[in-house]
Amino acid sequence: MKKTSVRNGRTLKAFGLILSLGAMPLLLGLTGCTTGSRYEQSTGERIDDHGTSSRVRAALAEDTQYKYDAVSVVTFKGTVQLSGFVNSRDQKNRAGELTRKVVAVKEVVNNITVKESAN
């Protein structure tokens, strides 16, 4: 009888070891997706930033005063960068103001260029 219980104990230990080693890649894979660094986004940050960019584009498109067809919106960790071309300084400033009011925008980098008028 004693040999059977020793064998069962070893079998359970071996099974537990195999099970824990098999689960390790799964656990490491899940935690690897959530960490970001200063220069890289985590999966969650990438999803959040995509939503923020979409909301900024929608806010610019809904503006009745100006058209922002040539403005690009990129978001990284809550910082929104605007780039492209507009016709006036007022239009550039308005784009920055609209962007600052959007949910989840932490900072705005307004790199929009004002087209020079040919006089």
PDB file of N, CA and C in Angstrom:
ATOM      1  N   MET A   1       0.809  -1.197   0.000  1.00  0.00           N
ATOM      2  CA  MET A   1       0.000   0.000   0.000  1.00  0.00           C
ATOM      3  C   MET A   1       0.848   1.254   0.000  1.00  0.00           C
ATOM      4  N   LYS A   2       1.955   1.230   0.707  1.00  0.00           N
ATOM      5  CA  LYS A   2       2.777   2.418   0.845  1.00  0.00           C
ATOM      6  C   LYS A   2       3.379   2.836  -0.500  1.00  0.00           C
ATOM      7  N   LYS A   3       3.788   1.869  -1.327  1.00  0.00           N
ATOM      8  CA  LYS A   3       4.372   2.178  -2.627  1.00  0.00           C
ATOM      9  C   LYS A   3       3.371   2.902  -3.529  1.00  0.00           C
ATOM     10  N   THR A   4       2.104   2.572  -3.450  1.00  0.00           N
ATOM     11  CA  THR A   4       1.084   3.195  -4.274  1.00  0.00           C
ATOM     12  C   THR A   4       0.913   4.665  -3.900  1.00  0.00           C
ATOM     13  N   SER A   5       0.873   4.997  -2.621  1.00  0.00           N
ATOM     14  CA  SER A   5       0.694   6.390  -2.218  1.00  0.00           C
ATOM     15  C   SER A   5       1.919   7.233  -2.551  1.00  0.00           C
ATOM     16  N   VAL A   6       3.123   6.638  -2.472  1.00  0.00           N
ATOM     17  CA  VAL A   6       4.348   7.352  -2.860  1.00  0.00           C
ATOM     18  C   VAL A   6       4.320   7.624  -4.360  1.00  0.00           C
ATOM     19  N   ARG A   7       3.914   6.623  -5.124  1.00  0.00           N
ATOM     20  CA  ARG A   7       3.823   6.778  -6.572  1.00  0.00           C
ATOM     21  C   ARG A   7       2.790   7.847  -6.937  1.00  0.00           C
ATOM     22  N   ASN A   8       1.647   7.841  -6.266  1.00  0.00           N
ATOM     23  CA  ASN A   8       0.611   8.849  -6.519  1.00  0.00           C
ATOM     24  C   ASN A   8       1.108  10.245  -6.158  1.00  0.00           C
ATOM     25  N   GLY A   9       1.862  10.363  -5.076  1.00  0.00           N
ATOM     26  CA  GLY A   9       2.419  11.649  -4.673  1.00  0.00           C
ATOM     27  C   GLY A   9       3.397  12.188  -5.706  1.00  0.00           C
ATOM     28  N   ARG A  10       4.250  11.322  -6.233  1.00  0.00           N
ATOM     29  CA  ARG A  10       5.214  11.724  -7.268  1.00  0.00           C
ATOM     30  C   ARG A  10       4.484  12.100  -8.561  1.00  0.00           C
ATOM     31  N   THR A  11       3.463  11.351  -8.885  1.00  0.00           N
ATOM     32  CA  THR A  11       2.677  11.624 -10.086  1.00  0.00           C
ATOM     33  C   THR A  11       2.005  12.994  -9.984  1.00  0.00           C
ATOM     34  N   LEU A  12       1.450  13.285  -8.818  1.00  0.00           N
ATOM     35  CA  LEU A  12       0.810  14.592  -8.628  1.00  0.00           C
ATOM     36  C   LEU A  12       1.814  15.731  -8.705  1.00  0.00           C
ATOM     37  N   LYS A  13       2.998  15.541  -8.127  1.00  0.00           N
ATOM     38  CA  LYS A  13       4.037  16.571  -8.199  1.00  0.00           C
ATOM     39  C   LYS A  13       4.476  16.805  -9.646  1.00  0.00           C
ATOM     40  N   ALA A  14       4.667  15.705 -10.376  1.00  0.00           N
ATOM     41  CA  ALA A  14       5.076  15.814 -11.778  1.00  0.00           C
ATOM     42  C   ALA A  14       3.983  16.501 -12.603  1.00  0.00           C
ATOM     43  N   PHE A  15       2.739  16.128 -12.345  1.00  0.00           N
ATOM     44  CA  PHE A  15       1.626  16.755 -13.060  1.00  0.00           C
ATOM     45  C   PHE A  15       1.549  18.253 -12.744  1.00  0.00           C
ATOM     46  N   GLY A  16       1.741  18.620 -11.476  1.00  0.00           N
ATOM     47  CA  GLY A  16       1.731  20.030 -11.082  1.00  0.00           C
ATOM     48  C   GLY A  16       2.848  20.812 -11.745  1.00  0.00           C
ATOM     49  N   LEU A  17       4.035  20.198 -11.832  1.00  0.00           N
ATOM     50  CA  LEU A  17       5.172  20.857 -12.479  1.00  0.00           C
ATOM     51  C   LEU A  17       4.901  21.077 -13.962  1.00  0.00           C
ATOM     52  N   ILE A  18       4.374  20.065 -14.622  1.00  0.00           N
ATOM     53  CA  ILE A  18       4.055  20.171 -16.049  1.00  0.00           C
ATOM     54  C   ILE A  18       2.993  21.243 -16.281  1.00  0.00           C
ATOM     55  N   LEU A  19       1.987  21.253 -15.427  1.00  0.00           N
ATOM     56  CA  LEU A  19       0.910  22.229 -15.559  1.00  0.00           C
ATOM     57  C   LEU A  19       1.417  23.663 -15.366  1.00  0.00           C
ATOM     58  N   SER A  20       2.256  23.870 -14.354  1.00  0.00           N
ATOM     59  CA  SER A  20       2.756  25.228 -14.111  1.00  0.00           C
ATOM     60  C   SER A  20       3.714  25.670 -15.205  1.00  0.00           C
ATOM     61  N   LEU A  21       4.545  24.782 -15.719  1.00  0.00           N
ATOM     62  CA  LEU A  21       5.445  25.143 -16.816  1.00  0.00           C
ATOM     63  C   LEU A  21       4.661  25.425 -18.102  1.00  0.00           C
ATOM     64  N   GLY A  22       3.581  24.700 -18.300  1.00  0.00           N
ATOM     65  CA  GLY A  22       2.744  24.931 -19.481  1.00  0.00           C
ATOM     66  C   GLY A  22       2.006  26.252 -19.422  1.00  0.00           C
ATOM     67  N   ALA A  23       1.658  26.699 -18.215  1.00  0.00           N
ATOM     68  CA  ALA A  23       0.923  27.959 -18.058  1.00  0.00           C
ATOM     69  C   ALA A  23       1.845  29.181 -18.111  1.00  0.00           C
ATOM     70  N   MET A  24       3.129  28.997 -17.912  1.00  0.00           N
ATOM     71  CA  MET A  24       4.055  30.125 -17.861  1.00  0.00           C
ATOM     72  C   MET A  24       4.071  30.963 -19.147  1.00  0.00           C
ATOM     73  N   PRO A  25       4.162  30.359 -20.336  1.00  0.00           N
ATOM     74  CA  PRO A  25       4.145  31.207 -21.543  1.00  0.00           C
ATOM     75  C   PRO A  25       2.868  32.029 -21.677  1.00  0.00           C
ATOM     76  N   LEU A  26       1.752  31.457 -21.254  1.00  0.00           N
ATOM     77  CA  LEU A  26       0.490  32.186 -21.305  1.00  0.00           C
ATOM     78  C   LEU A  26       0.536  33.401 -20.383  1.00  0.00           C
ATOM     79  N   LEU A  27       0.995  33.202 -19.164  1.00  0.00           N
ATOM     80  CA  LEU A  27       1.083  34.310 -18.214  1.00  0.00           C
ATOM     81  C   LEU A  27       2.072  35.372 -18.674  1.00  0.00           C
ATOM     82  N   LEU A  28       3.217  34.957 -19.183  1.00  0.00           N
ATOM     83  CA  LEU A  28       4.207  35.921 -19.667  1.00  0.00           C
ATOM     84  C   LEU A  28       3.694  36.668 -20.891  1.00  0.00           C
ATOM     85  N   GLY A  29       2.954  35.973 -21.727  1.00  0.00           N
ATOM     86  CA  GLY A  29       2.393  36.629 -22.916  1.00  0.00           C
ATOM     87  C   GLY A  29       1.381  37.687 -22.559  1.00  0.00           C
ATOM     88  N   LEU A  30       0.557  37.435 -21.560  1.00  0.00           N
ATOM     89  CA  LEU A  30      -0.449  38.414 -21.154  1.00  0.00           C
ATOM     90  C   LEU A  30       0.177  39.621 -20.479  1.00  0.00           C
ATOM     91  N   THR A  31       1.159  39.409 -19.630  1.00  0.00           N
ATOM     92  CA  THR A  31       1.769  40.546 -18.944  1.00  0.00           C
ATOM     93  C   THR A  31       2.677  41.323 -19.872  1.00  0.00           C
ATOM     94  N   GLY A  32       3.223  40.689 -20.887  1.00  0.00           N
ATOM     95  CA  GLY A  32       4.095  41.380 -21.833  1.00  0.00           C
ATOM     96  C   GLY A  32       3.346  42.406 -22.664  1.00  0.00           C
ATOM     97  N   CYS A  33       2.051  42.229 -22.843  1.00  0.00           N
ATOM     98  CA  CYS A  33       1.257  43.139 -23.653  1.00  0.00           C
ATOM     99  C   CYS A  33       0.890  44.419 -22.906  1.00  0.00           C
ATOM    100  N   THR A  34       0.945  44.386 -21.607  1.00  0.00           N
ATOM    101  CA  THR A  34       0.430  45.520 -20.852  1.00  0.00           C
ATOM    102  C   THR A  34       1.479  46.558 -20.511  1.00  0.00           C
ATOM    103  N   THR A  35       2.732  46.248 -20.666  1.00  0.00           N
ATOM    104  CA  THR A  35       3.748  47.206 -20.262  1.00  0.00           C
ATOM    105  C   THR A  35       4.164  48.084 -21.422  1.00  0.00           C
ATOM    106  N   GLY A  36       4.277  49.343 -21.154  1.00  0.00           N
ATOM    107  CA  GLY A  36       4.795  50.285 -22.130  1.00  0.00           C
ATOM    108  C   GLY A  36       5.998  50.966 -21.528  1.00  0.00           C
ATOM    109  N   SER A  37       6.707  51.682 -22.324  1.00  0.00           N
ATOM    110  CA  SER A  37       7.838  52.440 -21.822  1.00  0.00           C
ATOM    111  C   SER A  37       7.670  53.874 -22.286  1.00  0.00           C
ATOM    112  N   ARG A  38       8.681  54.639 -22.053  1.00  0.00           N
ATOM    113  CA  ARG A  38       8.628  56.046 -22.451  1.00  0.00           C
ATOM    114  C   ARG A  38       8.437  56.203 -23.965  1.00  0.00           C
ATOM    115  N   TYR A  39       9.028  55.296 -24.720  1.00  0.00           N
ATOM    116  CA  TYR A  39       9.011  55.404 -26.180  1.00  0.00           C
ATOM    117  C   TYR A  39       8.087  54.407 -26.867  1.00  0.00           C
ATOM    118  N   GLU A  40       7.463  53.519 -26.099  1.00  0.00           N
ATOM    119  CA  GLU A  40       6.579  52.509 -26.673  1.00  0.00           C
ATOM    120  C   GLU A  40       5.246  52.509 -25.942  1.00  0.00           C
ATOM    121  N   GLN A  41       4.190  52.262 -26.679  1.00  0.00           N
ATOM    122  CA  GLN A  41       2.855  52.196 -26.098  1.00  0.00           C
ATOM    123  C   GLN A  41       2.516  50.762 -25.724  1.00  0.00           C
ATOM    124  N   SER A  42       1.783  50.614 -24.643  1.00  0.00           N
ATOM    125  CA  SER A  42       1.213  49.312 -24.351  1.00  0.00           C
ATOM    126  C   SER A  42      -0.009  49.141 -25.251  1.00  0.00           C
ATOM    127  N   THR A  43      -0.563  47.963 -25.272  1.00  0.00           N
ATOM    128  CA  THR A  43      -1.750  47.714 -26.091  1.00  0.00           C
ATOM    129  C   THR A  43      -2.905  48.604 -25.650  1.00  0.00           C
ATOM    130  N   GLY A  44      -3.100  48.736 -24.352  1.00  0.00           N
ATOM    131  CA  GLY A  44      -4.174  49.591 -23.834  1.00  0.00           C
ATOM    132  C   GLY A  44      -3.982  51.046 -24.208  1.00  0.00           C
ATOM    133  N   GLU A  45      -2.740  51.536 -24.110  1.00  0.00           N
ATOM    134  CA  GLU A  45      -2.458  52.925 -24.490  1.00  0.00           C
ATOM    135  C   GLU A  45      -2.712  53.147 -25.977  1.00  0.00           C
ATOM    136  N   ARG A  46      -2.334  52.173 -26.786  1.00  0.00           N
ATOM    137  CA  ARG A  46      -2.540  52.293 -28.238  1.00  0.00           C
ATOM    138  C   ARG A  46      -4.037  52.394 -28.553  1.00  0.00           C
ATOM    139  N   ILE A  47      -4.834  51.584 -27.870  1.00  0.00           N
ATOM    140  CA  ILE A  47      -6.287  51.622 -28.081  1.00  0.00           C
ATOM    141  C   ILE A  47      -6.855  52.960 -27.620  1.00  0.00           C
ATOM    142  N   ASP A  48      -6.434  53.415 -26.434  1.00  0.00           N
ATOM    143  CA  ASP A  48      -6.902  54.708 -25.916  1.00  0.00           C
ATOM    144  C   ASP A  48      -6.512  55.854 -26.847  1.00  0.00           C
ATOM    145  N   ASP A  49      -5.270  55.847 -27.319  1.00  0.00           N
ATOM    146  CA  ASP A  49      -4.796  56.912 -28.201  1.00  0.00           C
ATOM    147  C   ASP A  49      -5.523  56.921 -29.536  1.00  0.00           C
ATOM    148  N   HIS A  50      -5.859  55.742 -30.033  1.00  0.00           N
ATOM    149  CA  HIS A  50      -6.616  55.662 -31.283  1.00  0.00           C
ATOM    150  C   HIS A  50      -7.993  56.316 -31.101  1.00  0.00           C
ATOM    151  N   GLY A  51      -8.629  56.033 -29.966  1.00  0.00           N
ATOM    152  CA  GLY A  51      -9.925  56.653 -29.664  1.00  0.00           C
ATOM    153  C   GLY A  51      -9.812  58.161 -29.522  1.00  0.00           C
ATOM    154  N   THR A  52      -8.743  58.619 -28.874  1.00  0.00           N
ATOM    155  CA  THR A  52      -8.528  60.060 -28.716  1.00  0.00           C
ATOM    156  C   THR A  52      -8.344  60.728 -30.069  1.00  0.00           C
ATOM    157  N   SER A  53      -7.535  60.139 -30.936  1.00  0.00           N
ATOM    158  CA  SER A  53      -7.331  60.695 -32.283  1.00  0.00           C
ATOM    159  C   SER A  53      -8.648  60.772 -33.043  1.00  0.00           C
ATOM    160  N   SER A  54      -9.468  59.743 -32.918  1.00  0.00           N
ATOM    161  CA  SER A  54     -10.772  59.728 -33.600  1.00  0.00           C
ATOM    162  C   SER A  54     -11.671  60.851 -33.084  1.00  0.00           C
ATOM    163  N   ARG A  55     -11.675  61.060 -31.762  1.00  0.00           N
ATOM    164  CA  ARG A  55     -12.495  62.137 -31.191  1.00  0.00           C
ATOM    165  C   ARG A  55     -11.991  63.517 -31.619  1.00  0.00           C
ATOM    166  N   VAL A  56     -10.681  63.682 -31.720  1.00  0.00           N
ATOM    167  CA  VAL A  56     -10.122  64.966 -32.177  1.00  0.00           C
ATOM    168  C   VAL A  56     -10.508  65.211 -33.638  1.00  0.00           C
ATOM    169  N   ARG A  57     -10.372  64.190 -34.484  1.00  0.00           N
ATOM    170  CA  ARG A  57     -10.754  64.342 -35.892  1.00  0.00           C
ATOM    171  C   ARG A  57     -12.230  64.712 -36.015  1.00  0.00           C
ATOM    172  N   ALA A  58     -13.065  64.081 -35.197  1.00  0.00           N
ATOM    173  CA  ALA A  58     -14.505  64.381 -35.221  1.00  0.00           C
ATOM    174  C   ALA A  58     -14.763  65.817 -34.770  1.00  0.00           C
ATOM    175  N   ALA A  59     -14.063  66.278 -33.744  1.00  0.00           N
ATOM    176  CA  ALA A  59     -14.236  67.660 -33.262  1.00  0.00           C
ATOM    177  C   ALA A  59     -13.819  68.656 -34.335  1.00  0.00           C
ATOM    178  N   LEU A  60     -12.737  68.375 -35.031  1.00  0.00           N
ATOM    179  CA  LEU A  60     -12.286  69.270 -36.106  1.00  0.00           C
ATOM    180  C   LEU A  60     -13.274  69.245 -37.282  1.00  0.00           C
ATOM    181  N   ALA A  61     -13.807  68.077 -37.584  1.00  0.00           N
ATOM    182  CA  ALA A  61     -14.756  67.955 -38.701  1.00  0.00           C
ATOM    183  C   ALA A  61     -16.083  68.654 -38.397  1.00  0.00           C
ATOM    184  N   GLU A  62     -16.473  68.707 -37.121  1.00  0.00           N
ATOM    185  CA  GLU A  62     -17.746  69.326 -36.739  1.00  0.00           C
ATOM    186  C   GLU A  62     -17.668  70.848 -36.650  1.00  0.00           C
ATOM    187  N   ASP A  63     -16.469  71.408 -36.708  1.00  0.00           N
ATOM    188  CA  ASP A  63     -16.322  72.858 -36.590  1.00  0.00           C
ATOM    189  C   ASP A  63     -16.988  73.542 -37.780  1.00  0.00           C
ATOM    190  N   THR A  64     -17.885  74.471 -37.501  1.00  0.00           N
ATOM    191  CA  THR A  64     -18.619  75.156 -38.567  1.00  0.00           C
ATOM    192  C   THR A  64     -17.854  76.353 -39.118  1.00  0.00           C
ATOM    193  N   GLN A  65     -16.843  76.800 -38.370  1.00  0.00           N
ATOM    194  CA  GLN A  65     -16.099  77.991 -38.764  1.00  0.00           C
ATOM    195  C   GLN A  65     -15.030  77.702 -39.825  1.00  0.00           C
ATOM    196  N   TYR A  66     -14.330  76.585 -39.691  1.00  0.00           N
ATOM    197  CA  TYR A  66     -13.212  76.278 -40.585  1.00  0.00           C
ATOM    198  C   TYR A  66     -13.281  74.830 -41.071  1.00  0.00           C
ATOM    199  N   LYS A  67     -12.526  74.560 -42.120  1.00  0.00           N
ATOM    200  CA  LYS A  67     -12.356  73.203 -42.645  1.00  0.00           C
ATOM    201  C   LYS A  67     -10.918  72.774 -42.336  1.00  0.00           C
ATOM    202  N   TYR A  68     -10.767  71.535 -41.875  1.00  0.00           N
ATOM    203  CA  TYR A  68      -9.442  71.028 -41.516  1.00  0.00           C
ATOM    204  C   TYR A  68      -9.097  69.789 -42.342  1.00  0.00           C
ATOM    205  N   ASP A  69      -9.300  69.870 -43.646  1.00  0.00           N
ATOM    206  CA  ASP A  69      -9.057  68.732 -44.521  1.00  0.00           C
ATOM    207  C   ASP A  69      -7.581  68.349 -44.594  1.00  0.00           C
ATOM    208  N   ALA A  70      -6.681  69.327 -44.472  1.00  0.00           N
ATOM    209  CA  ALA A  70      -5.251  69.068 -44.637  1.00  0.00           C
ATOM    210  C   ALA A  70      -4.524  68.968 -43.298  1.00  0.00           C
ATOM    211  N   VAL A  71      -5.258  68.644 -42.222  1.00  0.00           N
ATOM    212  CA  VAL A  71      -4.650  68.524 -40.899  1.00  0.00           C
ATOM    213  C   VAL A  71      -4.601  67.054 -40.498  1.00  0.00           C
ATOM    214  N   SER A  72      -3.433  66.623 -40.043  1.00  0.00           N
ATOM    215  CA  SER A  72      -3.223  65.251 -39.587  1.00  0.00           C
ATOM    216  C   SER A  72      -3.210  65.233 -38.057  1.00  0.00           C
ATOM    217  N   VAL A  73      -3.780  64.182 -37.475  1.00  0.00           N
ATOM    218  CA  VAL A  73      -3.859  64.033 -36.023  1.00  0.00           C
ATOM    219  C   VAL A  73      -3.176  62.729 -35.626  1.00  0.00           C
ATOM    220  N   VAL A  74      -2.173  62.833 -34.732  1.00  0.00           N
ATOM    221  CA  VAL A  74      -1.484  61.657 -34.208  1.00  0.00           C
ATOM    222  C   VAL A  74      -1.435  61.797 -32.689  1.00  0.00           C
ATOM    223  N   THR A  75      -1.774  60.709 -31.984  1.00  0.00           N
ATOM    224  CA  THR A  75      -1.770  60.729 -30.517  1.00  0.00           C
ATOM    225  C   THR A  75      -0.809  59.678 -29.989  1.00  0.00           C
ATOM    226  N   PHE A  76       0.007  60.075 -29.002  1.00  0.00           N
ATOM    227  CA  PHE A  76       0.935  59.163 -28.340  1.00  0.00           C
ATOM    228  C   PHE A  76       0.882  59.433 -26.848  1.00  0.00           C
ATOM    229  N   LYS A  77       0.373  58.458 -26.102  1.00  0.00           N
ATOM    230  CA  LYS A  77       0.261  58.555 -24.641  1.00  0.00           C
ATOM    231  C   LYS A  77      -0.474  59.810 -24.197  1.00  0.00           C
ATOM    232  N   GLY A  78      -1.553  60.141 -24.901  1.00  0.00           N
ATOM    233  CA  GLY A  78      -2.398  61.273 -24.529  1.00  0.00           C
ATOM    234  C   GLY A  78      -1.961  62.609 -25.087  1.00  0.00           C
ATOM    235  N   THR A  79      -0.778  62.675 -25.696  1.00  0.00           N
ATOM    236  CA  THR A  79      -0.302  63.908 -26.325  1.00  0.00           C
ATOM    237  C   THR A  79      -0.706  63.883 -27.793  1.00  0.00           C
ATOM    238  N   VAL A  80      -1.457  64.900 -28.197  1.00  0.00           N
ATOM    239  CA  VAL A  80      -1.958  64.960 -29.573  1.00  0.00           C
ATOM    240  C   VAL A  80      -1.089  65.919 -30.367  1.00  0.00           C
ATOM    241  N   GLN A  81      -0.602  65.439 -31.505  1.00  0.00           N
ATOM    242  CA  GLN A  81       0.178  66.281 -32.404  1.00  0.00           C
ATOM    243  C   GLN A  81      -0.651  66.584 -33.637  1.00  0.00           C
ATOM    244  N   LEU A  82      -0.809  67.874 -33.893  1.00  0.00           N
ATOM    245  CA  LEU A  82      -1.507  68.330 -35.092  1.00  0.00           C
ATOM    246  C   LEU A  82      -0.460  68.783 -36.096  1.00  0.00           C
ATOM    247  N   SER A  83      -0.620  68.383 -37.339  1.00  0.00           N
ATOM    248  CA  SER A  83       0.287  68.824 -38.390  1.00  0.00           C
ATOM    249  C   SER A  83      -0.502  68.973 -39.679  1.00  0.00           C
ATOM    250  N   GLY A  84       0.086  69.666 -40.628  1.00  0.00           N
ATOM    251  CA  GLY A  84      -0.578  69.900 -41.895  1.00  0.00           C
ATOM    252  C   GLY A  84      -0.617  71.383 -42.198  1.00  0.00           C
ATOM    253  N   PHE A  85      -1.589  71.792 -43.000  1.00  0.00           N
ATOM    254  CA  PHE A  85      -1.650  73.174 -43.480  1.00  0.00           C
ATOM    255  C   PHE A  85      -3.036  73.767 -43.307  1.00  0.00           C
ATOM    256  N   VAL A  86      -3.063  75.044 -42.944  1.00  0.00           N
ATOM    257  CA  VAL A  86      -4.303  75.818 -42.860  1.00  0.00           C
ATOM    258  C   VAL A  86      -4.051  77.173 -43.501  1.00  0.00           C
ATOM    259  N   ASN A  87      -5.143  77.924 -43.695  1.00  0.00           N
ATOM    260  CA  ASN A  87      -5.032  79.198 -44.404  1.00  0.00           C
ATOM    261  C   ASN A  87      -4.736  80.400 -43.514  1.00  0.00           C
ATOM    262  N   SER A  88      -4.990  80.298 -42.205  1.00  0.00           N
ATOM    263  CA  SER A  88      -4.786  81.472 -41.345  1.00  0.00           C
ATOM    264  C   SER A  88      -4.328  81.057 -39.945  1.00  0.00           C
ATOM    265  N   ARG A  89      -3.730  82.037 -39.251  1.00  0.00           N
ATOM    266  CA  ARG A  89      -3.289  81.803 -37.874  1.00  0.00           C
ATOM    267  C   ARG A  89      -4.499  81.529 -36.981  1.00  0.00           C
ATOM    268  N   ASP A  90      -5.633  82.205 -37.230  1.00  0.00           N
ATOM    269  CA  ASP A  90      -6.853  81.949 -36.452  1.00  0.00           C
ATOM    270  C   ASP A  90      -7.303  80.492 -36.588  1.00  0.00           C
ATOM    271  N   GLN A  91      -7.198  79.972 -37.793  1.00  0.00           N
ATOM    272  CA  GLN A  91      -7.590  78.585 -38.038  1.00  0.00           C
ATOM    273  C   GLN A  91      -6.665  77.625 -37.272  1.00  0.00           C
ATOM    274  N   LYS A  92      -5.378  77.910 -37.243  1.00  0.00           N
ATOM    275  CA  LYS A  92      -4.415  77.088 -36.495  1.00  0.00           C
ATOM    276  C   LYS A  92      -4.747  77.123 -34.998  1.00  0.00           C
ATOM    277  N   ASN A  93      -4.964  78.335 -34.478  1.00  0.00           N
ATOM    278  CA  ASN A  93      -5.274  78.479 -33.052  1.00  0.00           C
ATOM    279  C   ASN A  93      -6.584  77.785 -32.682  1.00  0.00           C
ATOM    280  N   ARG A  94      -7.566  77.904 -33.553  1.00  0.00           N
ATOM    281  CA  ARG A  94      -8.873  77.270 -33.313  1.00  0.00           C
ATOM    282  C   ARG A  94      -8.732  75.745 -33.256  1.00  0.00           C
ATOM    283  N   ALA A  95      -7.909  75.177 -34.121  1.00  0.00           N
ATOM    284  CA  ALA A  95      -7.677  73.728 -34.123  1.00  0.00           C
ATOM    285  C   ALA A  95      -7.074  73.295 -32.783  1.00  0.00           C
ATOM    286  N   GLY A  96      -6.137  74.066 -32.274  1.00  0.00           N
ATOM    287  CA  GLY A  96      -5.543  73.761 -30.973  1.00  0.00           C
ATOM    288  C   GLY A  96      -6.558  73.841 -29.845  1.00  0.00           C
ATOM    289  N   GLU A  97      -7.410  74.860 -29.869  1.00  0.00           N
ATOM    290  CA  GLU A  97      -8.437  75.029 -28.837  1.00  0.00           C
ATOM    291  C   GLU A  97      -9.433  73.867 -28.859  1.00  0.00           C
ATOM    292  N   LEU A  98      -9.887  73.515 -30.052  1.00  0.00           N
ATOM    293  CA  LEU A  98     -10.835  72.398 -30.176  1.00  0.00           C
ATOM    294  C   LEU A  98     -10.220  71.098 -29.659  1.00  0.00           C
ATOM    295  N   THR A  99      -8.955  70.891 -29.963  1.00  0.00           N
ATOM    296  CA  THR A  99      -8.264  69.670 -29.550  1.00  0.00           C
ATOM    297  C   THR A  99      -8.125  69.605 -28.033  1.00  0.00           C
ATOM    298  N   ARG A 100      -7.787  70.714 -27.401  1.00  0.00           N
ATOM    299  CA  ARG A 100      -7.625  70.745 -25.933  1.00  0.00           C
ATOM    300  C   ARG A 100      -8.912  70.371 -25.196  1.00  0.00           C
ATOM    301  N   LYS A 101     -10.056  70.628 -25.803  1.00  0.00           N
ATOM    302  CA  LYS A 101     -11.352  70.360 -25.166  1.00  0.00           C
ATOM    303  C   LYS A 101     -11.790  68.887 -25.264  1.00  0.00           C
ATOM    304  N   VAL A 102     -11.088  68.108 -26.075  1.00  0.00           N
ATOM    305  CA  VAL A 102     -11.468  66.709 -26.285  1.00  0.00           C
ATOM    306  C   VAL A 102     -11.064  65.871 -25.066  1.00  0.00           C
ATOM    307  N   VAL A 103     -11.929  64.945 -24.692  1.00  0.00           N
ATOM    308  CA  VAL A 103     -11.691  64.046 -23.557  1.00  0.00           C
ATOM    309  C   VAL A 103     -10.409  63.242 -23.777  1.00  0.00           C
ATOM    310  N   ALA A 104      -9.615  63.102 -22.724  1.00  0.00           N
ATOM    311  CA  ALA A 104      -8.388  62.292 -22.681  1.00  0.00           C
ATOM    312  C   ALA A 104      -7.183  62.954 -23.334  1.00  0.00           C
ATOM    313  N   VAL A 105      -7.306  64.193 -23.797  1.00  0.00           N
ATOM    314  CA  VAL A 105      -6.155  64.906 -24.346  1.00  0.00           C
ATOM    315  C   VAL A 105      -5.379  65.502 -23.180  1.00  0.00           C
ATOM    316  N   LYS A 106      -4.124  65.080 -23.033  1.00  0.00           N
ATOM    317  CA  LYS A 106      -3.280  65.586 -21.946  1.00  0.00           C
ATOM    318  C   LYS A 106      -2.502  66.819 -22.375  1.00  0.00           C
ATOM    319  N   GLU A 107      -2.076  66.819 -23.631  1.00  0.00           N
ATOM    320  CA  GLU A 107      -1.250  67.915 -24.149  1.00  0.00           C
ATOM    321  C   GLU A 107      -1.474  68.018 -25.652  1.00  0.00           C
ATOM    322  N   VAL A 108      -1.301  69.230 -26.182  1.00  0.00           N
ATOM    323  CA  VAL A 108      -1.445  69.447 -27.622  1.00  0.00           C
ATOM    324  C   VAL A 108      -0.149  70.035 -28.156  1.00  0.00           C
ATOM    325  N   VAL A 109       0.388  69.410 -29.189  1.00  0.00           N
ATOM    326  CA  VAL A 109       1.544  69.945 -29.907  1.00  0.00           C
ATOM    327  C   VAL A 109       1.015  70.392 -31.260  1.00  0.00           C
ATOM    328  N   ASN A 110       0.912  71.705 -31.428  1.00  0.00           N
ATOM    329  CA  ASN A 110       0.301  72.258 -32.640  1.00  0.00           C
ATOM    330  C   ASN A 110       1.396  72.610 -33.642  1.00  0.00           C
ATOM    331  N   ASN A 111       1.663  71.681 -34.551  1.00  0.00           N
ATOM    332  CA  ASN A 111       2.671  71.877 -35.602  1.00  0.00           C
ATOM    333  C   ASN A 111       2.033  72.221 -36.942  1.00  0.00           C
ATOM    334  N   ILE A 112       0.835  72.756 -36.907  1.00  0.00           N
ATOM    335  CA  ILE A 112       0.157  73.139 -38.143  1.00  0.00           C
ATOM    336  C   ILE A 112       0.893  74.333 -38.744  1.00  0.00           C
ATOM    337  N   THR A 113       1.070  74.283 -40.046  1.00  0.00           N
ATOM    338  CA  THR A 113       1.716  75.374 -40.778  1.00  0.00           C
ATOM    339  C   THR A 113       0.661  76.249 -41.447  1.00  0.00           C
ATOM    340  N   VAL A 114       0.823  77.560 -41.298  1.00  0.00           N
ATOM    341  CA  VAL A 114      -0.067  78.506 -41.949  1.00  0.00           C
ATOM    342  C   VAL A 114       0.477  78.785 -43.345  1.00  0.00           C
ATOM    343  N   LYS A 115      -0.360  78.591 -44.363  1.00  0.00           N
ATOM    344  CA  LYS A 115       0.051  78.851 -45.748  1.00  0.00           C
ATOM    345  C   LYS A 115       0.292  80.343 -45.923  1.00  0.00           C
ATOM    346  N   GLU A 116       1.325  80.663 -46.654  1.00  0.00           N
ATOM    347  CA  GLU A 116       1.597  82.066 -46.942  1.00  0.00           C
ATOM    348  C   GLU A 116       0.689  82.513 -48.063  1.00  0.00           C
ATOM    349  N   SER A 117       0.148  83.709 -47.907  1.00  0.00           N
ATOM    350  CA  SER A 117      -0.710  84.237 -48.961  1.00  0.00           C
ATOM    351  C   SER A 117       0.163  84.910 -50.026  1.00  0.00           C
ATOM    352  N   ALA A 118      -0.192  84.680 -51.269  1.00  0.00           N
ATOM    353  CA  ALA A 118       0.567  85.265 -52.397  1.00  0.00           C
ATOM    354  C   ALA A 118      -0.001  86.631 -52.716  1.00  0.00           C
ATOM    355  N   ASN A 119       0.664  87.658 -52.268  1.00  0.00           N
ATOM    356  CA  ASN A 119       0.221  89.031 -52.553  1.00  0.00           C
ATOM    357  C   ASN A 119       1.145  89.716 -53.502  1.00  0.00           C
TER     358      ASN A 119
END
